[in-house]
Amino acid sequence: MKIFVDSIDQGIWNSIEIGPYIPKFKKNGSLIAKPWSRWTNDECKMAKLDCTAQNIIASALDTNEFFRISKCKTVKDMWDTLKVVHANNEPKEAMSKSQARRKRRQNKKSLNLCFMARKEDDLSSVSSSNSSNSENYGQLLQAF
């Protein structure tokens, strides 16, 4: 998501993470939101980033997800809501090819050990039925 948003405008991602840009001015030592009629062109462009981000996120969601965020006032609220809803749905870390190969080899070894244990159980039951051990061992080797 970040890559897509940054490709449009890096300020959009700031709006998502930090919140909307609200132009302010100092009056009697405190910051007060500027009236819309006094905004400069640059301030209008910065404030528009929040609307653009809201549009991007709303367009990317299905109907159920859209209804979860439709009451949010800012894109930061939308993003925070989606993060809470999907907190447990983080993607699992991808394995490298060598890690995947190593895991397959380990699984194969444990599977072979299971088969060998099973064959030994079969072998012990066969030996108890008056067969010679060398024949049973030969049967076990043929199975593999």
N, C-alpha and C. Protein backbone atom coordinates (compact mmCIF):
# COMPACT_ATOMS: atom_id res chain seq x y z
N MET A 1 0.83 -1.19 0.00
CA MET A 1 0.00 0.00 0.00
C MET A 1 0.87 1.25 0.00
N LYS A 2 1.90 1.25 0.84
CA LYS A 2 2.76 2.42 0.95
C LYS A 2 3.43 2.72 -0.38
N ILE A 3 3.88 1.70 -1.06
CA ILE A 3 4.57 1.90 -2.34
C ILE A 3 3.61 2.54 -3.35
N PHE A 4 2.39 2.03 -3.41
CA PHE A 4 1.41 2.58 -4.34
C PHE A 4 1.11 4.04 -4.01
N VAL A 5 0.87 4.35 -2.75
CA VAL A 5 0.53 5.71 -2.34
C VAL A 5 1.71 6.65 -2.58
N ASP A 6 2.92 6.19 -2.24
CA ASP A 6 4.10 7.02 -2.47
C ASP A 6 4.32 7.30 -3.95
N SER A 7 3.93 6.39 -4.81
CA SER A 7 4.10 6.61 -6.25
C SER A 7 3.21 7.75 -6.75
N ILE A 8 2.12 8.00 -6.06
CA ILE A 8 1.24 9.11 -6.44
C ILE A 8 1.76 10.41 -5.85
N ASP A 9 2.01 10.41 -4.53
CA ASP A 9 2.54 11.60 -3.85
C ASP A 9 2.97 11.18 -2.46
N GLN A 10 4.20 11.48 -2.08
CA GLN A 10 4.71 11.07 -0.78
C GLN A 10 3.97 11.76 0.37
N GLY A 11 3.41 12.90 0.12
CA GLY A 11 2.65 13.60 1.14
C GLY A 11 1.38 12.86 1.54
N ILE A 12 0.87 12.02 0.63
CA ILE A 12 -0.34 11.25 0.93
C ILE A 12 -0.07 10.27 2.06
N TRP A 13 1.07 9.59 2.03
CA TRP A 13 1.38 8.64 3.09
C TRP A 13 1.55 9.36 4.43
N ASN A 14 2.12 10.56 4.41
CA ASN A 14 2.22 11.34 5.64
C ASN A 14 0.83 11.65 6.19
N SER A 15 -0.08 11.94 5.31
CA SER A 15 -1.45 12.21 5.74
C SER A 15 -2.08 10.97 6.38
N ILE A 16 -1.75 9.80 5.86
CA ILE A 16 -2.28 8.55 6.40
C ILE A 16 -1.71 8.28 7.78
N GLU A 17 -0.41 8.45 7.94
CA GLU A 17 0.24 8.11 9.20
C GLU A 17 0.11 9.21 10.26
N ILE A 18 0.21 10.46 9.86
CA ILE A 18 0.25 11.57 10.82
C ILE A 18 -1.12 12.19 11.03
N GLY A 19 -1.88 12.28 9.96
CA GLY A 19 -3.18 12.92 10.03
C GLY A 19 -3.27 14.06 9.02
N PRO A 20 -4.41 14.69 8.92
CA PRO A 20 -4.61 15.72 7.90
C PRO A 20 -3.81 16.99 8.21
N TYR A 21 -3.48 17.70 7.16
CA TYR A 21 -2.82 18.99 7.30
C TYR A 21 -3.89 20.05 7.53
N ILE A 22 -3.79 20.77 8.63
CA ILE A 22 -4.74 21.84 8.94
C ILE A 22 -3.94 23.13 9.09
N PRO A 23 -4.10 24.07 8.17
CA PRO A 23 -3.37 25.33 8.27
C PRO A 23 -3.76 26.08 9.54
N LYS A 24 -2.76 26.62 10.23
CA LYS A 24 -3.01 27.33 11.49
C LYS A 24 -2.24 28.65 11.50
N PHE A 25 -2.67 29.55 12.37
CA PHE A 25 -1.95 30.79 12.59
C PHE A 25 -1.95 31.11 14.07
N LYS A 26 -0.98 31.97 14.46
CA LYS A 26 -0.87 32.32 15.88
C LYS A 26 -1.76 33.51 16.18
N LYS A 27 -2.48 33.38 17.26
CA LYS A 27 -3.30 34.49 17.73
C LYS A 27 -3.23 34.49 19.26
N ASN A 28 -2.73 35.56 19.81
CA ASN A 28 -2.56 35.70 21.26
C ASN A 28 -1.72 34.57 21.85
N GLY A 29 -0.68 34.14 21.11
CA GLY A 29 0.24 33.11 21.59
C GLY A 29 -0.23 31.68 21.43
N SER A 30 -1.41 31.45 20.87
CA SER A 30 -1.89 30.08 20.66
C SER A 30 -2.17 29.85 19.17
N LEU A 31 -2.05 28.59 18.75
CA LEU A 31 -2.32 28.23 17.36
C LEU A 31 -3.81 27.99 17.16
N ILE A 32 -4.34 28.63 16.13
CA ILE A 32 -5.76 28.51 15.80
C ILE A 32 -5.88 28.12 14.33
N ALA A 33 -6.83 27.23 14.03
CA ALA A 33 -7.05 26.83 12.64
C ALA A 33 -7.46 28.04 11.81
N LYS A 34 -6.83 28.14 10.64
CA LYS A 34 -7.15 29.25 9.73
C LYS A 34 -8.51 29.04 9.12
N PRO A 35 -9.26 30.09 8.90
CA PRO A 35 -10.51 29.94 8.15
C PRO A 35 -10.18 29.55 6.70
N TRP A 36 -11.03 28.76 6.12
CA TRP A 36 -10.78 28.24 4.78
C TRP A 36 -10.55 29.37 3.77
N SER A 37 -11.22 30.46 3.91
CA SER A 37 -11.09 31.58 2.96
C SER A 37 -9.71 32.22 2.98
N ARG A 38 -8.91 31.97 4.02
CA ARG A 38 -7.58 32.56 4.13
C ARG A 38 -6.45 31.59 3.79
N TRP A 39 -6.79 30.40 3.35
CA TRP A 39 -5.77 29.42 2.98
C TRP A 39 -5.05 29.85 1.72
N THR A 40 -3.73 29.59 1.66
CA THR A 40 -2.96 29.83 0.44
C THR A 40 -3.12 28.63 -0.49
N ASN A 41 -2.63 28.77 -1.72
CA ASN A 41 -2.71 27.65 -2.67
C ASN A 41 -1.93 26.44 -2.17
N ASP A 42 -0.76 26.67 -1.58
CA ASP A 42 0.03 25.55 -1.06
C ASP A 42 -0.68 24.86 0.10
N GLU A 43 -1.33 25.62 0.95
CA GLU A 43 -2.08 25.02 2.06
C GLU A 43 -3.27 24.21 1.54
N CYS A 44 -3.91 24.70 0.49
CA CYS A 44 -5.02 23.94 -0.11
C CYS A 44 -4.53 22.62 -0.68
N LYS A 45 -3.36 22.64 -1.33
CA LYS A 45 -2.79 21.41 -1.91
C LYS A 45 -2.45 20.41 -0.81
N MET A 46 -1.86 20.90 0.28
CA MET A 46 -1.51 20.01 1.39
C MET A 46 -2.76 19.41 2.04
N ALA A 47 -3.80 20.22 2.21
CA ALA A 47 -5.04 19.73 2.83
C ALA A 47 -5.75 18.74 1.91
N LYS A 48 -5.58 18.89 0.62
CA LYS A 48 -6.23 18.00 -0.35
C LYS A 48 -5.66 16.58 -0.29
N LEU A 49 -4.43 16.43 0.23
CA LEU A 49 -3.81 15.10 0.31
C LEU A 49 -4.64 14.14 1.16
N ASP A 50 -5.28 14.64 2.20
CA ASP A 50 -6.13 13.79 3.03
C ASP A 50 -7.31 13.25 2.24
N CYS A 51 -7.91 14.12 1.43
CA CYS A 51 -9.05 13.68 0.59
C CYS A 51 -8.61 12.65 -0.44
N THR A 52 -7.44 12.88 -1.02
CA THR A 52 -6.90 11.94 -2.02
C THR A 52 -6.64 10.58 -1.36
N ALA A 53 -6.06 10.60 -0.18
CA ALA A 53 -5.77 9.35 0.54
C ALA A 53 -7.07 8.62 0.90
N GLN A 54 -8.08 9.36 1.34
CA GLN A 54 -9.37 8.75 1.65
C GLN A 54 -9.94 8.06 0.42
N ASN A 55 -9.83 8.70 -0.71
CA ASN A 55 -10.34 8.13 -1.96
C ASN A 55 -9.58 6.86 -2.33
N ILE A 56 -8.27 6.87 -2.17
CA ILE A 56 -7.47 5.69 -2.50
C ILE A 56 -7.87 4.51 -1.62
N ILE A 57 -7.95 4.73 -0.33
CA ILE A 57 -8.29 3.64 0.59
C ILE A 57 -9.72 3.15 0.36
N ALA A 58 -10.66 4.06 0.24
CA ALA A 58 -12.06 3.66 0.03
C ALA A 58 -12.23 2.89 -1.27
N SER A 59 -11.48 3.26 -2.30
CA SER A 59 -11.58 2.57 -3.59
C SER A 59 -10.96 1.18 -3.56
N ALA A 60 -10.04 0.96 -2.65
CA ALA A 60 -9.35 -0.32 -2.59
C ALA A 60 -10.11 -1.37 -1.77
N LEU A 61 -11.15 -0.97 -1.07
CA LEU A 61 -11.84 -1.88 -0.15
C LEU A 61 -13.11 -2.47 -0.76
N ASP A 62 -13.46 -3.66 -0.29
CA ASP A 62 -14.75 -4.23 -0.68
C ASP A 62 -15.86 -3.58 0.16
N THR A 63 -17.08 -3.93 -0.10
CA THR A 63 -18.23 -3.28 0.55
C THR A 63 -18.20 -3.43 2.07
N ASN A 64 -17.92 -4.63 2.57
CA ASN A 64 -17.89 -4.84 4.02
C ASN A 64 -16.83 -3.98 4.69
N GLU A 65 -15.65 -3.95 4.10
CA GLU A 65 -14.57 -3.15 4.66
C GLU A 65 -14.90 -1.66 4.56
N PHE A 66 -15.52 -1.27 3.47
CA PHE A 66 -15.86 0.14 3.29
C PHE A 66 -16.80 0.62 4.39
N PHE A 67 -17.78 -0.19 4.75
CA PHE A 67 -18.72 0.22 5.79
C PHE A 67 -18.05 0.37 7.15
N ARG A 68 -16.95 -0.36 7.37
CA ARG A 68 -16.23 -0.22 8.64
C ARG A 68 -15.60 1.17 8.77
N ILE A 69 -15.19 1.75 7.66
CA ILE A 69 -14.46 3.01 7.72
C ILE A 69 -15.27 4.20 7.21
N SER A 70 -16.48 3.96 6.79
CA SER A 70 -17.26 5.03 6.14
C SER A 70 -17.59 6.19 7.08
N LYS A 71 -17.62 5.98 8.37
CA LYS A 71 -17.93 7.04 9.33
C LYS A 71 -16.70 7.83 9.77
N CYS A 72 -15.51 7.40 9.36
CA CYS A 72 -14.28 8.07 9.78
C CYS A 72 -14.17 9.45 9.12
N LYS A 73 -13.68 10.41 9.89
CA LYS A 73 -13.55 11.79 9.40
C LYS A 73 -12.25 12.01 8.62
N THR A 74 -11.18 11.35 9.04
CA THR A 74 -9.88 11.55 8.38
C THR A 74 -9.34 10.22 7.89
N VAL A 75 -8.36 10.31 7.01
CA VAL A 75 -7.75 9.09 6.49
C VAL A 75 -6.95 8.39 7.60
N LYS A 76 -6.41 9.14 8.53
CA LYS A 76 -5.70 8.52 9.65
C LYS A 76 -6.66 7.66 10.47
N ASP A 77 -7.87 8.15 10.71
CA ASP A 77 -8.88 7.36 11.42
C ASP A 77 -9.21 6.09 10.64
N MET A 78 -9.33 6.22 9.33
CA MET A 78 -9.62 5.05 8.47
C MET A 78 -8.50 4.02 8.62
N TRP A 79 -7.28 4.49 8.50
CA TRP A 79 -6.11 3.60 8.54
C TRP A 79 -6.00 2.92 9.91
N ASP A 80 -6.19 3.70 10.97
CA ASP A 80 -6.11 3.12 12.32
C ASP A 80 -7.20 2.08 12.54
N THR A 81 -8.40 2.32 12.01
CA THR A 81 -9.49 1.36 12.12
C THR A 81 -9.14 0.06 11.40
N LEU A 82 -8.60 0.19 10.19
CA LEU A 82 -8.22 -1.01 9.43
C LEU A 82 -7.09 -1.77 10.11
N LYS A 83 -6.16 -1.06 10.71
CA LYS A 83 -5.06 -1.73 11.41
C LYS A 83 -5.58 -2.53 12.60
N VAL A 84 -6.55 -1.98 13.33
CA VAL A 84 -7.12 -2.70 14.47
C VAL A 84 -7.88 -3.93 14.00
N VAL A 85 -8.68 -3.77 12.96
CA VAL A 85 -9.49 -4.88 12.45
C VAL A 85 -8.61 -6.02 11.94
N HIS A 86 -7.50 -5.67 11.31
CA HIS A 86 -6.64 -6.68 10.69
C HIS A 86 -5.35 -6.92 11.46
N ALA A 87 -5.34 -6.61 12.74
CA ALA A 87 -4.13 -6.75 13.54
C ALA A 87 -3.60 -8.18 13.55
N ASN A 88 -4.46 -9.17 13.58
CA ASN A 88 -4.03 -10.57 13.63
C ASN A 88 -3.84 -11.19 12.26
N ASN A 89 -4.05 -10.42 11.22
CA ASN A 89 -3.94 -10.96 9.86
C ASN A 89 -2.66 -10.54 9.18
N GLU A 90 -1.60 -10.33 9.96
CA GLU A 90 -0.32 -9.95 9.37
C GLU A 90 0.18 -11.09 8.50
N PRO A 91 0.75 -10.77 7.34
CA PRO A 91 1.27 -11.84 6.49
C PRO A 91 2.45 -12.54 7.16
N LYS A 92 2.54 -13.83 6.95
CA LYS A 92 3.65 -14.59 7.52
C LYS A 92 4.92 -14.24 6.75
N GLU A 93 6.03 -14.32 7.46
CA GLU A 93 7.30 -13.99 6.85
C GLU A 93 7.63 -15.01 5.76
N ALA A 94 8.03 -14.51 4.61
CA ALA A 94 8.34 -15.38 3.49
C ALA A 94 9.65 -16.13 3.75
N MET A 95 9.69 -17.38 3.31
CA MET A 95 10.90 -18.17 3.46
C MET A 95 11.75 -18.02 2.21
N SER A 96 13.05 -18.03 2.39
CA SER A 96 13.93 -18.04 1.24
C SER A 96 13.89 -19.44 0.63
N LYS A 97 14.43 -19.57 -0.56
CA LYS A 97 14.41 -20.88 -1.23
C LYS A 97 15.21 -21.90 -0.44
N SER A 98 16.34 -21.49 0.12
CA SER A 98 17.16 -22.43 0.89
C SER A 98 16.44 -22.86 2.18
N GLN A 99 15.71 -21.93 2.82
CA GLN A 99 14.95 -22.29 4.01
C GLN A 99 13.84 -23.28 3.65
N ALA A 100 13.19 -23.06 2.52
CA ALA A 100 12.12 -23.96 2.09
C ALA A 100 12.68 -25.36 1.79
N ARG A 101 13.85 -25.41 1.12
CA ARG A 101 14.48 -26.70 0.83
C ARG A 101 14.85 -27.42 2.13
N ARG A 102 15.42 -26.69 3.07
CA ARG A 102 15.82 -27.27 4.35
C ARG A 102 14.60 -27.83 5.07
N LYS A 103 13.51 -27.09 5.05
CA LYS A 103 12.28 -27.55 5.72
C LYS A 103 11.74 -28.81 5.05
N ARG A 104 11.77 -28.85 3.69
CA ARG A 104 11.31 -30.06 2.98
C ARG A 104 12.16 -31.26 3.35
N ARG A 105 13.51 -31.07 3.43
CA ARG A 105 14.40 -32.16 3.80
C ARG A 105 14.10 -32.67 5.21
N GLN A 106 13.86 -31.74 6.14
CA GLN A 106 13.54 -32.14 7.51
C GLN A 106 12.24 -32.91 7.56
N ASN A 107 11.24 -32.43 6.81
CA ASN A 107 9.96 -33.14 6.77
C ASN A 107 10.12 -34.53 6.18
N LYS A 108 10.96 -34.63 5.14
CA LYS A 108 11.19 -35.92 4.49
C LYS A 108 11.88 -36.88 5.45
N LYS A 109 12.88 -36.37 6.20
CA LYS A 109 13.58 -37.21 7.17
C LYS A 109 12.63 -37.72 8.24
N SER A 110 11.80 -36.82 8.77
CA SER A 110 10.88 -37.26 9.82
C SER A 110 9.85 -38.23 9.27
N LEU A 111 9.45 -38.04 8.02
CA LEU A 111 8.52 -38.97 7.40
C LEU A 111 9.17 -40.34 7.22
N ASN A 112 10.43 -40.36 6.79
CA ASN A 112 11.15 -41.62 6.65
C ASN A 112 11.29 -42.32 7.98
N LEU A 113 11.58 -41.56 9.05
CA LEU A 113 11.69 -42.16 10.37
C LEU A 113 10.36 -42.77 10.81
N CYS A 114 9.27 -42.12 10.46
CA CYS A 114 7.95 -42.67 10.79
C CYS A 114 7.72 -43.99 10.06
N PHE A 115 8.08 -44.03 8.77
CA PHE A 115 7.91 -45.25 8.00
C PHE A 115 8.81 -46.36 8.55
N MET A 116 10.03 -46.01 8.94
CA MET A 116 10.95 -47.01 9.47
C MET A 116 10.41 -47.56 10.79
N ALA A 117 9.89 -46.70 11.63
CA ALA A 117 9.32 -47.16 12.91
C ALA A 117 8.14 -48.08 12.64
N ARG A 118 7.33 -47.72 11.66
CA ARG A 118 6.17 -48.55 11.31
C ARG A 118 6.63 -49.91 10.81
N LYS A 119 7.67 -49.93 9.98
CA LYS A 119 8.19 -51.19 9.45
C LYS A 119 8.79 -52.04 10.57
N GLU A 120 9.46 -51.38 11.53
CA GLU A 120 10.01 -52.14 12.65
C GLU A 120 8.89 -52.78 13.47
N ASP A 121 7.79 -52.07 13.64
CA ASP A 121 6.64 -52.64 14.35
C ASP A 121 6.11 -53.84 13.58
N ASP A 122 6.02 -53.69 12.24
CA ASP A 122 5.57 -54.81 11.41
C ASP A 122 6.55 -55.97 11.50
N LEU A 123 7.85 -55.62 11.53
CA LEU A 123 8.88 -56.63 11.60
C LEU A 123 8.80 -57.41 12.91
N SER A 124 8.57 -56.72 13.99
CA SER A 124 8.48 -57.42 15.29
C SER A 124 7.26 -58.33 15.33
N SER A 125 6.18 -57.91 14.67
CA SER A 125 5.00 -58.78 14.67
C SER A 125 5.23 -59.99 13.78
N VAL A 126 6.00 -59.81 12.71
CA VAL A 126 6.30 -60.94 11.83
C VAL A 126 7.24 -61.91 12.53
N SER A 127 8.24 -61.36 13.26
CA SER A 127 9.20 -62.24 13.93
C SER A 127 8.53 -63.06 15.04
N SER A 128 7.51 -62.50 15.63
CA SER A 128 6.80 -63.26 16.66
C SER A 128 5.98 -64.38 16.05
N SER A 129 5.80 -64.35 14.75
CA SER A 129 5.05 -65.43 14.10
C SER A 129 6.00 -66.44 13.48
N ASN A 130 7.13 -66.70 14.17
CA ASN A 130 8.09 -67.75 13.83
C ASN A 130 8.79 -67.55 12.50
N SER A 131 9.07 -66.31 12.07
CA SER A 131 9.88 -66.07 10.88
C SER A 131 11.27 -65.73 11.34
N SER A 132 12.25 -65.95 10.47
CA SER A 132 13.63 -65.64 10.86
C SER A 132 13.89 -64.15 10.74
N ASN A 133 14.79 -63.62 11.56
CA ASN A 133 15.10 -62.19 11.58
C ASN A 133 15.73 -61.73 10.27
N SER A 134 16.53 -62.55 9.65
CA SER A 134 17.19 -62.15 8.41
C SER A 134 16.17 -61.97 7.29
N GLU A 135 15.13 -62.79 7.25
CA GLU A 135 14.08 -62.62 6.25
C GLU A 135 13.32 -61.32 6.49
N ASN A 136 13.02 -61.04 7.73
CA ASN A 136 12.30 -59.81 8.07
C ASN A 136 13.12 -58.58 7.70
N TYR A 137 14.41 -58.64 7.97
CA TYR A 137 15.28 -57.52 7.62
C TYR A 137 15.30 -57.33 6.11
N GLY A 138 15.34 -58.43 5.36
CA GLY A 138 15.29 -58.35 3.90
C GLY A 138 13.98 -57.74 3.42
N GLN A 139 12.87 -58.09 4.05
CA GLN A 139 11.58 -57.49 3.70
C GLN A 139 11.58 -55.98 3.98
N LEU A 140 12.17 -55.61 5.07
CA LEU A 140 12.24 -54.18 5.43
C LEU A 140 13.07 -53.42 4.40
N LEU A 141 14.19 -53.98 3.98
CA LEU A 141 15.05 -53.31 2.99
C LEU A 141 14.34 -53.21 1.64
N GLN A 142 13.58 -54.22 1.25
CA GLN A 142 12.86 -54.18 -0.01
C GLN A 142 11.76 -53.13 -0.01
N ALA A 143 11.22 -52.87 1.17
CA ALA A 143 10.16 -51.87 1.26
C ALA A 143 10.70 -50.49 0.94
N PHE A 144 11.98 -50.26 1.20
CA PHE A 144 12.56 -48.96 0.91
C PHE A 144 13.34 -49.06 -0.37
